[in-house]
N, C-alpha and C. Protein backbone atom coordinates (compact mmCIF):
# COMPACT_ATOMS: atom_id res chain seq x y z
N MET A 1 32.31 4.78 -29.23
CA MET A 1 31.11 3.93 -29.37
C MET A 1 30.08 4.68 -30.21
N ASP A 2 29.65 4.07 -31.34
CA ASP A 2 28.69 4.77 -32.20
C ASP A 2 27.26 4.56 -31.70
N SER A 3 26.34 5.39 -32.24
CA SER A 3 24.96 5.40 -31.74
C SER A 3 24.25 4.08 -32.00
N SER A 4 24.54 3.41 -33.13
CA SER A 4 23.86 2.14 -33.42
C SER A 4 24.25 1.07 -32.40
N HIS A 5 25.50 1.10 -31.95
CA HIS A 5 25.94 0.15 -30.93
C HIS A 5 25.26 0.44 -29.60
N ILE A 6 25.11 1.73 -29.30
CA ILE A 6 24.44 2.12 -28.05
C ILE A 6 23.00 1.65 -28.05
N ILE A 7 22.29 1.89 -29.17
CA ILE A 7 20.89 1.46 -29.26
C ILE A 7 20.80 -0.05 -29.16
N GLY A 8 21.75 -0.76 -29.77
CA GLY A 8 21.74 -2.22 -29.72
C GLY A 8 21.87 -2.75 -28.31
N LYS A 9 22.62 -2.03 -27.47
CA LYS A 9 22.79 -2.46 -26.08
C LYS A 9 21.54 -2.22 -25.24
N LEU A 10 20.69 -1.28 -25.68
CA LEU A 10 19.55 -0.87 -24.86
C LEU A 10 18.20 -1.40 -25.34
N LYS A 11 18.06 -1.69 -26.62
CA LYS A 11 16.72 -1.88 -27.18
C LYS A 11 15.99 -3.11 -26.66
N ASN A 12 16.70 -4.11 -26.18
CA ASN A 12 16.02 -5.33 -25.74
C ASN A 12 15.80 -5.39 -24.23
N ARG A 13 16.21 -4.33 -23.54
CA ARG A 13 16.01 -4.34 -22.09
C ARG A 13 14.59 -3.91 -21.75
N LYS A 14 14.10 -4.38 -20.63
CA LYS A 14 12.78 -4.01 -20.16
C LYS A 14 12.90 -2.83 -19.19
N ALA A 15 12.17 -1.76 -19.46
CA ALA A 15 12.23 -0.59 -18.60
C ALA A 15 11.60 -0.89 -17.24
N THR A 16 12.25 -0.40 -16.19
CA THR A 16 11.72 -0.55 -14.83
C THR A 16 11.75 0.84 -14.17
N ILE A 17 11.60 0.87 -12.87
CA ILE A 17 11.71 2.12 -12.13
C ILE A 17 13.18 2.33 -11.76
N TYR A 18 13.73 3.48 -12.14
CA TYR A 18 15.13 3.74 -11.85
C TYR A 18 15.36 3.73 -10.33
N GLY A 19 16.37 2.99 -9.91
CA GLY A 19 16.67 2.87 -8.48
C GLY A 19 15.78 1.89 -7.75
N GLU A 20 15.05 1.06 -8.51
CA GLU A 20 14.08 0.14 -7.89
C GLU A 20 14.73 -0.77 -6.86
N ASP A 21 15.99 -1.14 -7.11
CA ASP A 21 16.67 -2.06 -6.20
C ASP A 21 16.89 -1.47 -4.81
N LYS A 22 16.78 -0.15 -4.70
CA LYS A 22 16.96 0.50 -3.41
C LYS A 22 15.64 0.74 -2.68
N PHE A 23 14.52 0.44 -3.33
CA PHE A 23 13.21 0.66 -2.72
C PHE A 23 12.86 -0.49 -1.77
N PHE A 24 12.14 -0.16 -0.71
CA PHE A 24 11.57 -1.17 0.18
C PHE A 24 10.27 -1.65 -0.47
N LYS A 25 10.18 -2.96 -0.75
CA LYS A 25 9.02 -3.49 -1.47
C LYS A 25 8.15 -4.33 -0.55
N SER A 26 6.86 -4.08 -0.63
CA SER A 26 5.91 -4.83 0.19
C SER A 26 4.65 -5.12 -0.61
N ALA A 27 3.85 -6.01 -0.09
CA ALA A 27 2.58 -6.37 -0.73
C ALA A 27 1.51 -6.47 0.33
N VAL A 28 0.30 -6.06 -0.02
CA VAL A 28 -0.82 -6.12 0.92
C VAL A 28 -2.04 -6.70 0.23
N LEU A 29 -2.97 -7.17 1.04
CA LEU A 29 -4.22 -7.73 0.53
C LEU A 29 -5.40 -6.93 1.07
N VAL A 30 -6.29 -6.53 0.17
CA VAL A 30 -7.57 -5.94 0.57
C VAL A 30 -8.55 -7.11 0.68
N PRO A 31 -8.87 -7.58 1.89
CA PRO A 31 -9.65 -8.81 2.04
C PRO A 31 -11.15 -8.55 1.99
N LEU A 32 -11.82 -9.23 1.08
CA LEU A 32 -13.28 -9.16 0.99
C LEU A 32 -13.88 -10.34 1.73
N VAL A 33 -14.87 -10.08 2.58
CA VAL A 33 -15.54 -11.14 3.32
C VAL A 33 -17.04 -10.96 3.18
N GLU A 34 -17.76 -12.06 3.28
CA GLU A 34 -19.22 -12.03 3.21
C GLU A 34 -19.80 -12.21 4.61
N ILE A 35 -20.60 -11.24 5.04
CA ILE A 35 -21.26 -11.30 6.34
C ILE A 35 -22.74 -11.04 6.13
N ASN A 36 -23.56 -12.05 6.45
CA ASN A 36 -25.02 -11.92 6.26
C ASN A 36 -25.36 -11.49 4.83
N ASP A 37 -24.71 -12.15 3.87
CA ASP A 37 -24.96 -11.90 2.44
C ASP A 37 -24.59 -10.48 2.01
N GLU A 38 -23.72 -9.83 2.75
CA GLU A 38 -23.26 -8.49 2.39
C GLU A 38 -21.73 -8.48 2.38
N THR A 39 -21.15 -7.85 1.36
CA THR A 39 -19.70 -7.79 1.25
C THR A 39 -19.13 -6.74 2.20
N HIS A 40 -18.13 -7.16 2.96
CA HIS A 40 -17.39 -6.26 3.85
C HIS A 40 -15.91 -6.30 3.48
N ILE A 41 -15.18 -5.28 3.92
CA ILE A 41 -13.73 -5.29 3.83
C ILE A 41 -13.17 -5.46 5.24
N LEU A 42 -12.21 -6.37 5.36
CA LEU A 42 -11.61 -6.64 6.66
C LEU A 42 -10.35 -5.79 6.85
N PHE A 43 -10.20 -5.24 8.04
CA PHE A 43 -9.03 -4.45 8.40
C PHE A 43 -8.39 -5.03 9.66
N GLU A 44 -7.11 -4.75 9.81
CA GLU A 44 -6.40 -5.10 11.03
C GLU A 44 -6.06 -3.83 11.81
N VAL A 45 -5.98 -3.97 13.13
CA VAL A 45 -5.39 -2.94 13.98
C VAL A 45 -4.04 -3.49 14.43
N ARG A 46 -2.97 -2.79 14.10
CA ARG A 46 -1.64 -3.28 14.43
C ARG A 46 -1.45 -3.42 15.94
N SER A 47 -0.82 -4.51 16.33
CA SER A 47 -0.56 -4.77 17.74
C SER A 47 0.25 -3.64 18.37
N MET A 48 -0.02 -3.34 19.62
CA MET A 48 0.75 -2.32 20.33
C MET A 48 2.17 -2.81 20.62
N GLN A 49 2.44 -4.09 20.34
CA GLN A 49 3.80 -4.61 20.50
C GLN A 49 4.68 -4.28 19.29
N MET A 50 4.06 -3.84 18.20
CA MET A 50 4.81 -3.57 16.98
C MET A 50 5.71 -2.36 17.16
N ARG A 51 6.89 -2.43 16.58
CA ARG A 51 7.85 -1.33 16.70
C ARG A 51 7.41 -0.13 15.86
N ARG A 52 6.86 -0.40 14.68
CA ARG A 52 6.44 0.67 13.78
C ARG A 52 4.92 0.80 13.74
N GLN A 53 4.43 1.99 13.93
CA GLN A 53 3.01 2.32 13.80
C GLN A 53 2.08 1.42 14.62
N PRO A 54 2.38 1.20 15.89
CA PRO A 54 1.48 0.39 16.72
C PRO A 54 0.12 1.07 16.84
N GLY A 55 -0.94 0.26 16.76
CA GLY A 55 -2.29 0.78 16.90
C GLY A 55 -2.90 1.33 15.63
N ASP A 56 -2.10 1.45 14.57
CA ASP A 56 -2.65 1.95 13.30
C ASP A 56 -3.49 0.87 12.62
N ILE A 57 -4.39 1.32 11.77
CA ILE A 57 -5.24 0.41 11.00
C ILE A 57 -4.57 0.12 9.66
N CYS A 58 -4.60 -1.13 9.26
CA CYS A 58 -3.90 -1.53 8.03
C CYS A 58 -4.60 -2.73 7.40
N PHE A 59 -4.10 -3.09 6.22
CA PHE A 59 -4.48 -4.35 5.58
C PHE A 59 -3.41 -5.39 5.90
N PRO A 60 -3.75 -6.68 5.80
CA PRO A 60 -2.71 -7.70 5.95
C PRO A 60 -1.64 -7.51 4.88
N GLY A 61 -0.39 -7.72 5.26
CA GLY A 61 0.69 -7.59 4.27
C GLY A 61 2.01 -7.33 4.94
N GLY A 62 3.05 -7.21 4.12
CA GLY A 62 4.37 -6.96 4.66
C GLY A 62 5.44 -7.01 3.60
N LYS A 63 6.68 -7.07 4.05
CA LYS A 63 7.85 -7.02 3.18
C LYS A 63 7.91 -8.23 2.25
N ILE A 64 8.26 -7.98 1.00
CA ILE A 64 8.47 -9.06 0.04
C ILE A 64 9.84 -9.68 0.30
N ASP A 65 9.86 -10.96 0.65
CA ASP A 65 11.10 -11.66 0.93
C ASP A 65 11.66 -12.31 -0.33
N GLU A 66 12.93 -12.66 -0.28
CA GLU A 66 13.56 -13.32 -1.42
C GLU A 66 12.87 -14.65 -1.74
N GLU A 67 12.31 -15.29 -0.72
CA GLU A 67 11.67 -16.58 -0.92
C GLU A 67 10.30 -16.46 -1.59
N ASP A 68 9.73 -15.26 -1.61
CA ASP A 68 8.41 -15.07 -2.22
C ASP A 68 8.51 -15.20 -3.73
N GLU A 69 7.63 -15.99 -4.31
CA GLU A 69 7.64 -16.20 -5.75
C GLU A 69 7.20 -14.95 -6.51
N SER A 70 6.40 -14.12 -5.88
CA SER A 70 5.83 -12.94 -6.53
C SER A 70 5.23 -12.04 -5.44
N PRO A 71 4.89 -10.80 -5.78
CA PRO A 71 4.18 -9.96 -4.81
C PRO A 71 2.87 -10.59 -4.34
N ALA A 72 2.15 -11.26 -5.25
CA ALA A 72 0.90 -11.90 -4.86
C ALA A 72 1.15 -13.00 -3.82
N HIS A 73 2.24 -13.75 -4.02
CA HIS A 73 2.59 -14.79 -3.06
C HIS A 73 2.88 -14.18 -1.69
N CYS A 74 3.57 -13.04 -1.69
CA CYS A 74 3.85 -12.35 -0.42
C CYS A 74 2.56 -11.92 0.27
N ALA A 75 1.64 -11.33 -0.49
CA ALA A 75 0.37 -10.87 0.10
C ALA A 75 -0.39 -12.04 0.73
N MET A 76 -0.39 -13.19 0.05
CA MET A 76 -1.08 -14.36 0.59
C MET A 76 -0.35 -14.89 1.82
N ARG A 77 0.97 -14.99 1.73
CA ARG A 77 1.74 -15.51 2.86
C ARG A 77 1.54 -14.65 4.11
N GLU A 78 1.65 -13.34 3.94
CA GLU A 78 1.49 -12.45 5.09
C GLU A 78 0.09 -12.54 5.68
N THR A 79 -0.91 -12.68 4.82
CA THR A 79 -2.29 -12.77 5.30
C THR A 79 -2.51 -14.04 6.11
N THR A 80 -1.95 -15.15 5.63
CA THR A 80 -2.10 -16.41 6.38
C THR A 80 -1.37 -16.33 7.72
N GLU A 81 -0.20 -15.70 7.73
CA GLU A 81 0.57 -15.59 8.97
C GLU A 81 -0.12 -14.68 9.99
N GLU A 82 -0.70 -13.60 9.51
CA GLU A 82 -1.30 -12.62 10.42
C GLU A 82 -2.68 -13.02 10.90
N LEU A 83 -3.43 -13.75 10.06
CA LEU A 83 -4.81 -14.09 10.41
C LEU A 83 -5.01 -15.56 10.75
N GLY A 84 -3.94 -16.36 10.68
CA GLY A 84 -4.05 -17.76 11.04
C GLY A 84 -4.88 -18.59 10.08
N LEU A 85 -4.93 -18.17 8.82
CA LEU A 85 -5.72 -18.88 7.82
C LEU A 85 -4.85 -19.78 6.97
N SER A 86 -5.49 -20.70 6.27
CA SER A 86 -4.81 -21.53 5.28
C SER A 86 -4.80 -20.81 3.94
N PRO A 87 -3.80 -21.05 3.09
CA PRO A 87 -3.82 -20.47 1.74
C PRO A 87 -5.10 -20.81 0.98
N HIS A 88 -5.71 -21.95 1.30
CA HIS A 88 -6.94 -22.35 0.62
C HIS A 88 -8.13 -21.46 1.03
N ASP A 89 -7.96 -20.71 2.12
CA ASP A 89 -9.03 -19.81 2.56
C ASP A 89 -9.02 -18.47 1.81
N ILE A 90 -8.00 -18.26 0.97
CA ILE A 90 -7.85 -17.00 0.23
C ILE A 90 -7.97 -17.30 -1.26
N THR A 91 -8.95 -16.70 -1.91
CA THR A 91 -9.19 -17.00 -3.33
C THR A 91 -9.35 -15.72 -4.13
N ASP A 92 -9.28 -15.89 -5.45
CA ASP A 92 -9.54 -14.81 -6.40
C ASP A 92 -8.65 -13.59 -6.16
N ILE A 93 -7.36 -13.82 -5.96
CA ILE A 93 -6.44 -12.70 -5.74
C ILE A 93 -6.24 -11.93 -7.04
N THR A 94 -6.50 -10.64 -6.99
CA THR A 94 -6.49 -9.78 -8.17
C THR A 94 -5.67 -8.53 -7.89
N PRO A 95 -4.77 -8.13 -8.80
CA PRO A 95 -3.91 -6.97 -8.52
C PRO A 95 -4.62 -5.63 -8.70
N LEU A 96 -4.25 -4.68 -7.86
CA LEU A 96 -4.57 -3.28 -8.06
C LEU A 96 -3.31 -2.60 -8.61
N ASP A 97 -3.36 -1.29 -8.84
CA ASP A 97 -2.17 -0.57 -9.31
C ASP A 97 -1.17 -0.46 -8.17
N TYR A 98 0.11 -0.75 -8.48
CA TYR A 98 1.11 -0.62 -7.43
C TYR A 98 1.41 0.85 -7.17
N ILE A 99 1.91 1.12 -5.98
CA ILE A 99 2.12 2.48 -5.51
C ILE A 99 3.60 2.71 -5.24
N VAL A 100 4.14 3.78 -5.80
CA VAL A 100 5.50 4.22 -5.48
C VAL A 100 5.36 5.40 -4.52
N SER A 101 5.72 5.19 -3.28
CA SER A 101 5.47 6.21 -2.25
C SER A 101 6.58 7.24 -2.21
N ASP A 102 6.30 8.34 -1.50
CA ASP A 102 7.29 9.40 -1.34
C ASP A 102 8.39 9.02 -0.35
N MET A 103 8.23 7.90 0.31
CA MET A 103 9.18 7.50 1.33
C MET A 103 10.08 6.35 0.86
N GLY A 104 10.22 6.19 -0.46
CA GLY A 104 11.12 5.17 -0.98
C GLY A 104 10.57 3.76 -0.87
N ARG A 105 9.27 3.61 -1.05
CA ARG A 105 8.65 2.29 -0.97
C ARG A 105 7.84 2.00 -2.23
N ILE A 106 7.79 0.74 -2.60
CA ILE A 106 6.88 0.27 -3.65
C ILE A 106 5.93 -0.72 -3.00
N ILE A 107 4.65 -0.46 -3.13
CA ILE A 107 3.64 -1.31 -2.51
C ILE A 107 2.79 -1.94 -3.59
N TYR A 108 2.66 -3.26 -3.54
CA TYR A 108 1.85 -4.00 -4.50
C TYR A 108 0.56 -4.44 -3.80
N PRO A 109 -0.56 -3.76 -4.06
CA PRO A 109 -1.82 -4.15 -3.41
C PRO A 109 -2.61 -5.15 -4.26
N PHE A 110 -3.30 -6.02 -3.58
CA PHE A 110 -4.16 -7.01 -4.22
C PHE A 110 -5.50 -7.03 -3.51
N VAL A 111 -6.50 -7.51 -4.23
CA VAL A 111 -7.81 -7.77 -3.64
C VAL A 111 -8.02 -9.27 -3.66
N GLY A 112 -8.62 -9.81 -2.63
CA GLY A 112 -8.92 -11.23 -2.60
C GLY A 112 -10.08 -11.53 -1.67
N ARG A 113 -10.63 -12.70 -1.82
CA ARG A 113 -11.75 -13.11 -0.97
C ARG A 113 -11.25 -14.03 0.14
N LEU A 114 -11.72 -13.76 1.36
CA LEU A 114 -11.42 -14.64 2.49
C LEU A 114 -12.63 -15.54 2.74
N ASN A 115 -12.39 -16.82 2.70
CA ASN A 115 -13.43 -17.79 3.01
C ASN A 115 -13.19 -18.35 4.42
N ASN A 116 -14.20 -18.92 5.01
CA ASN A 116 -14.07 -19.52 6.34
C ASN A 116 -13.54 -18.51 7.36
N ILE A 117 -14.16 -17.33 7.39
CA ILE A 117 -13.65 -16.28 8.28
C ILE A 117 -13.80 -16.64 9.75
N ASP A 118 -14.63 -17.63 10.05
CA ASP A 118 -14.73 -18.07 11.44
C ASP A 118 -13.44 -18.73 11.92
N ASN A 119 -12.57 -19.09 10.96
CA ASN A 119 -11.29 -19.71 11.31
C ASN A 119 -10.20 -18.70 11.61
N ILE A 120 -10.51 -17.41 11.48
CA ILE A 120 -9.49 -16.39 11.70
C ILE A 120 -9.03 -16.39 13.16
N ILE A 121 -7.72 -16.53 13.34
CA ILE A 121 -7.10 -16.42 14.66
C ILE A 121 -5.94 -15.44 14.51
N PRO A 122 -6.16 -14.16 14.83
CA PRO A 122 -5.10 -13.17 14.62
C PRO A 122 -3.84 -13.49 15.41
N ASN A 123 -2.70 -13.26 14.78
CA ASN A 123 -1.41 -13.42 15.45
C ASN A 123 -1.22 -12.24 16.41
N PRO A 124 -1.23 -12.47 17.72
CA PRO A 124 -1.22 -11.36 18.68
C PRO A 124 0.04 -10.51 18.66
N THR A 125 1.14 -11.05 18.12
CA THR A 125 2.36 -10.25 18.06
C THR A 125 2.30 -9.19 16.96
N GLU A 126 1.38 -9.39 16.00
CA GLU A 126 1.27 -8.44 14.88
C GLU A 126 -0.09 -7.75 14.82
N VAL A 127 -1.13 -8.44 15.29
CA VAL A 127 -2.50 -7.93 15.11
C VAL A 127 -3.17 -7.78 16.46
N GLY A 128 -3.60 -6.56 16.77
CA GLY A 128 -4.32 -6.33 18.02
C GLY A 128 -5.77 -6.77 17.93
N GLU A 129 -6.40 -6.48 16.78
CA GLU A 129 -7.79 -6.88 16.55
C GLU A 129 -8.08 -6.76 15.06
N VAL A 130 -9.19 -7.35 14.65
CA VAL A 130 -9.67 -7.18 13.28
C VAL A 130 -11.10 -6.66 13.35
N PHE A 131 -11.50 -5.95 12.30
CA PHE A 131 -12.87 -5.49 12.19
C PHE A 131 -13.21 -5.37 10.72
N THR A 132 -14.48 -5.24 10.42
CA THR A 132 -14.90 -5.12 9.02
C THR A 132 -15.75 -3.87 8.83
N VAL A 133 -15.75 -3.39 7.60
CA VAL A 133 -16.58 -2.25 7.21
C VAL A 133 -17.40 -2.67 6.00
N PRO A 134 -18.71 -2.46 6.00
CA PRO A 134 -19.52 -2.82 4.83
C PRO A 134 -19.04 -2.07 3.59
N LEU A 135 -18.87 -2.79 2.51
CA LEU A 135 -18.44 -2.16 1.26
C LEU A 135 -19.40 -1.06 0.84
N GLU A 136 -20.69 -1.29 1.03
CA GLU A 136 -21.68 -0.29 0.62
C GLU A 136 -21.46 1.03 1.36
N TYR A 137 -21.08 0.96 2.62
CA TYR A 137 -20.80 2.19 3.38
C TYR A 137 -19.66 2.97 2.73
N LEU A 138 -18.61 2.26 2.33
CA LEU A 138 -17.46 2.92 1.73
C LEU A 138 -17.79 3.47 0.35
N LEU A 139 -18.69 2.80 -0.36
CA LEU A 139 -19.10 3.30 -1.67
C LEU A 139 -19.92 4.58 -1.55
N GLN A 140 -20.61 4.73 -0.43
CA GLN A 140 -21.51 5.87 -0.26
C GLN A 140 -20.87 7.05 0.48
N ASN A 141 -19.71 6.84 1.08
CA ASN A 141 -19.10 7.89 1.91
C ASN A 141 -17.69 8.22 1.41
N GLU A 142 -17.54 9.44 0.93
CA GLU A 142 -16.24 9.91 0.46
C GLU A 142 -15.30 10.16 1.64
N PRO A 143 -14.00 9.96 1.45
CA PRO A 143 -13.07 10.27 2.53
C PRO A 143 -12.87 11.77 2.69
N GLU A 144 -12.48 12.17 3.88
CA GLU A 144 -12.05 13.55 4.10
C GLU A 144 -10.62 13.69 3.57
N THR A 145 -10.29 14.85 3.02
CA THR A 145 -8.97 15.07 2.45
C THR A 145 -8.30 16.27 3.12
N PHE A 146 -7.05 16.07 3.54
CA PHE A 146 -6.25 17.13 4.14
C PHE A 146 -4.88 17.15 3.48
N LYS A 147 -4.24 18.31 3.50
CA LYS A 147 -2.94 18.47 2.86
C LYS A 147 -1.80 18.30 3.86
N VAL A 148 -0.75 17.64 3.39
CA VAL A 148 0.52 17.60 4.12
C VAL A 148 1.55 18.29 3.23
N HIS A 149 2.25 19.27 3.79
CA HIS A 149 3.23 20.04 3.01
C HIS A 149 4.63 19.50 3.31
N VAL A 150 5.33 19.13 2.25
CA VAL A 150 6.67 18.57 2.38
C VAL A 150 7.66 19.54 1.74
N HIS A 151 8.56 20.07 2.54
CA HIS A 151 9.55 21.04 2.06
C HIS A 151 10.93 20.39 2.03
N LEU A 152 11.62 20.48 0.88
CA LEU A 152 12.96 19.92 0.76
C LEU A 152 13.97 20.81 1.48
N GLN A 153 14.84 20.18 2.25
CA GLN A 153 15.85 20.92 3.01
C GLN A 153 17.21 20.28 2.78
N PRO A 154 18.12 20.93 2.03
CA PRO A 154 19.43 20.32 1.78
C PRO A 154 20.27 20.28 3.04
N GLU A 155 21.19 19.32 3.10
CA GLU A 155 22.08 19.23 4.25
C GLU A 155 23.07 20.40 4.24
N GLU A 156 23.72 20.63 5.38
CA GLU A 156 24.60 21.78 5.53
C GLU A 156 25.76 21.77 4.53
N SER A 157 26.25 20.58 4.17
CA SER A 157 27.40 20.49 3.27
C SER A 157 27.00 20.50 1.79
N PHE A 158 25.71 20.69 1.51
CA PHE A 158 25.24 20.69 0.13
C PHE A 158 25.94 21.81 -0.66
N PRO A 159 26.49 21.50 -1.87
CA PRO A 159 27.25 22.49 -2.64
C PRO A 159 26.36 23.51 -3.35
N LEU A 160 25.80 24.43 -2.60
CA LEU A 160 24.90 25.43 -3.18
C LEU A 160 25.61 26.28 -4.23
N ASP A 161 26.94 26.41 -4.12
CA ASP A 161 27.67 27.23 -5.08
C ASP A 161 27.72 26.60 -6.47
N LEU A 162 27.33 25.34 -6.58
CA LEU A 162 27.37 24.66 -7.88
C LEU A 162 26.06 24.76 -8.64
N ILE A 163 25.01 25.30 -8.02
CA ILE A 163 23.71 25.36 -8.70
C ILE A 163 23.30 26.81 -8.91
N VAL A 164 22.53 27.00 -9.98
CA VAL A 164 22.04 28.35 -10.28
C VAL A 164 21.10 28.80 -9.16
N GLY A 165 21.34 29.99 -8.65
CA GLY A 165 20.53 30.51 -7.54
C GLY A 165 21.23 30.41 -6.21
N GLY A 166 22.14 29.43 -6.09
CA GLY A 166 22.90 29.29 -4.86
C GLY A 166 22.03 29.22 -3.62
N GLU A 167 22.35 30.05 -2.64
CA GLU A 167 21.59 30.06 -1.39
C GLU A 167 20.15 30.51 -1.58
N ASN A 168 19.88 31.17 -2.70
CA ASN A 168 18.52 31.66 -2.96
C ASN A 168 17.72 30.70 -3.84
N TYR A 169 18.26 29.50 -4.06
CA TYR A 169 17.54 28.53 -4.90
C TYR A 169 16.17 28.24 -4.30
N GLN A 170 15.16 28.24 -5.16
CA GLN A 170 13.79 28.02 -4.69
C GLN A 170 13.46 26.53 -4.67
N TRP A 171 13.65 25.92 -3.53
CA TRP A 171 13.32 24.51 -3.39
C TRP A 171 11.81 24.32 -3.43
N GLN A 172 11.39 23.28 -4.13
CA GLN A 172 9.96 23.05 -4.28
C GLN A 172 9.34 22.53 -2.98
N MET A 173 8.09 22.90 -2.79
CA MET A 173 7.30 22.33 -1.69
C MET A 173 6.24 21.43 -2.30
N ARG A 174 6.16 20.21 -1.79
CA ARG A 174 5.16 19.27 -2.28
C ARG A 174 3.94 19.30 -1.39
N HIS A 175 2.79 19.13 -2.02
CA HIS A 175 1.52 19.13 -1.30
C HIS A 175 0.88 17.75 -1.50
N ILE A 176 0.83 16.98 -0.44
CA ILE A 176 0.35 15.60 -0.53
C ILE A 176 -1.03 15.50 0.10
N ASP A 177 -1.94 14.85 -0.61
CA ASP A 177 -3.28 14.61 -0.07
C ASP A 177 -3.26 13.43 0.90
N GLU A 178 -3.75 13.64 2.10
CA GLU A 178 -3.94 12.54 3.05
C GLU A 178 -5.44 12.32 3.21
N LEU A 179 -5.85 11.07 3.02
CA LEU A 179 -7.27 10.72 3.07
C LEU A 179 -7.62 10.11 4.42
N PHE A 180 -8.83 10.39 4.88
CA PHE A 180 -9.32 9.85 6.15
C PHE A 180 -10.73 9.29 5.95
N TYR A 181 -10.89 8.00 6.24
CA TYR A 181 -12.21 7.37 6.29
C TYR A 181 -12.58 7.16 7.76
N ARG A 182 -13.78 7.55 8.13
CA ARG A 182 -14.27 7.32 9.49
C ARG A 182 -15.38 6.27 9.44
N TYR A 183 -15.30 5.31 10.34
CA TYR A 183 -16.38 4.32 10.47
C TYR A 183 -16.53 3.99 11.94
N GLU A 184 -17.67 4.37 12.49
CA GLU A 184 -17.91 4.21 13.93
C GLU A 184 -16.74 4.84 14.69
N GLU A 185 -16.01 4.08 15.48
CA GLU A 185 -14.90 4.67 16.25
C GLU A 185 -13.56 4.50 15.56
N LYS A 186 -13.57 3.96 14.36
CA LYS A 186 -12.32 3.68 13.65
C LYS A 186 -11.98 4.80 12.66
N VAL A 187 -10.69 5.06 12.51
CA VAL A 187 -10.20 6.04 11.53
C VAL A 187 -9.15 5.35 10.66
N ILE A 188 -9.42 5.32 9.37
CA ILE A 188 -8.53 4.69 8.39
C ILE A 188 -7.85 5.81 7.61
N TRP A 189 -6.53 5.85 7.65
CA TRP A 189 -5.83 6.92 6.95
C TRP A 189 -4.49 6.40 6.43
N GLY A 190 -3.69 7.32 5.86
CA GLY A 190 -2.37 6.96 5.38
C GLY A 190 -2.42 6.07 4.14
N LEU A 191 -1.42 5.20 4.04
CA LEU A 191 -1.31 4.32 2.89
C LEU A 191 -2.52 3.41 2.76
N THR A 192 -3.06 2.95 3.88
CA THR A 192 -4.23 2.08 3.85
C THR A 192 -5.41 2.79 3.22
N ALA A 193 -5.62 4.05 3.57
CA ALA A 193 -6.71 4.83 2.97
C ALA A 193 -6.48 5.06 1.49
N LYS A 194 -5.21 5.24 1.10
CA LYS A 194 -4.90 5.46 -0.32
C LYS A 194 -5.23 4.21 -1.14
N ILE A 195 -4.85 3.05 -0.63
CA ILE A 195 -5.16 1.79 -1.32
C ILE A 195 -6.67 1.57 -1.36
N LEU A 196 -7.33 1.82 -0.24
CA LEU A 196 -8.78 1.66 -0.17
C LEU A 196 -9.46 2.58 -1.18
N HIS A 197 -9.01 3.81 -1.27
CA HIS A 197 -9.61 4.77 -2.20
C HIS A 197 -9.42 4.33 -3.65
N GLN A 198 -8.24 3.79 -3.95
CA GLN A 198 -8.01 3.27 -5.30
C GLN A 198 -9.02 2.17 -5.63
N PHE A 199 -9.20 1.25 -4.69
CA PHE A 199 -10.13 0.14 -4.88
C PHE A 199 -11.56 0.64 -5.07
N ILE A 200 -12.00 1.55 -4.20
CA ILE A 200 -13.36 2.07 -4.29
C ILE A 200 -13.56 2.82 -5.61
N THR A 201 -12.56 3.59 -6.03
CA THR A 201 -12.65 4.34 -7.29
C THR A 201 -12.78 3.39 -8.47
N LEU A 202 -12.02 2.30 -8.46
CA LEU A 202 -12.11 1.32 -9.55
C LEU A 202 -13.50 0.70 -9.61
N ILE A 203 -14.09 0.42 -8.47
CA ILE A 203 -15.45 -0.14 -8.46
C ILE A 203 -16.44 0.86 -9.05
N HIS A 204 -16.31 2.12 -8.65
CA HIS A 204 -17.21 3.16 -9.18
C HIS A 204 -17.08 3.28 -10.70
N LYS A 205 -15.85 3.08 -11.21
CA LYS A 205 -15.61 3.23 -12.65
C LYS A 205 -15.88 1.96 -13.44
N GLY A 206 -16.20 0.89 -12.75
CA GLY A 206 -16.48 -0.35 -13.45
C GLY A 206 -15.34 -1.35 -13.42
N GLY A 207 -14.21 -0.99 -12.82
CA GLY A 207 -13.13 -1.94 -12.60
C GLY A 207 -12.09 -2.03 -13.68
N ASN A 208 -12.33 -1.48 -14.86
CA ASN A 208 -11.39 -1.66 -15.97
C ASN A 208 -10.62 -0.40 -16.32
N GLN A 209 -10.70 0.62 -15.49
CA GLN A 209 -10.03 1.88 -15.81
C GLN A 209 -8.56 1.83 -15.39
């Protein structure tokens, strides 16, 4: 096979993330609400009935299903299911930068406005409670940052004899920033804090960076 034939096979394809089909894909919504003429961000506290991360603070969202037309459709669907709202109550859905996590996940975050918030009826199987934080508070208060150290450890059957260095190979250690926002008695951290920080940073920069 000559090089021109190889280039011809590749040049019209659209580049994606290698191994994307093996990633767990989800979408979330950063919900903006108006309370007493002031913009707040709404958060959920995961129900203690949830199998994964019960009691953690999060945004509405979840796994992208085959039936979802797009990540934005997933974010809206999950929000309506979790908060008991109509799709008409969610407007101005706008994408943020998607996140490829260290745990094999791709997360598509969006920002949107929730109207008729008095109609919110949280789904008790998924949502323990909801609360809001004034946007101005988040703009004025930087998160605390702590390091998580991730060390790669090969399995026992790993063929160390096939790599330079063998048993003395210097496996890299990754240093991951974990962000923490505190508001009253609530602590927002993890992926939710990362998405929140991205949103706040974009606002500080004017939104077009």
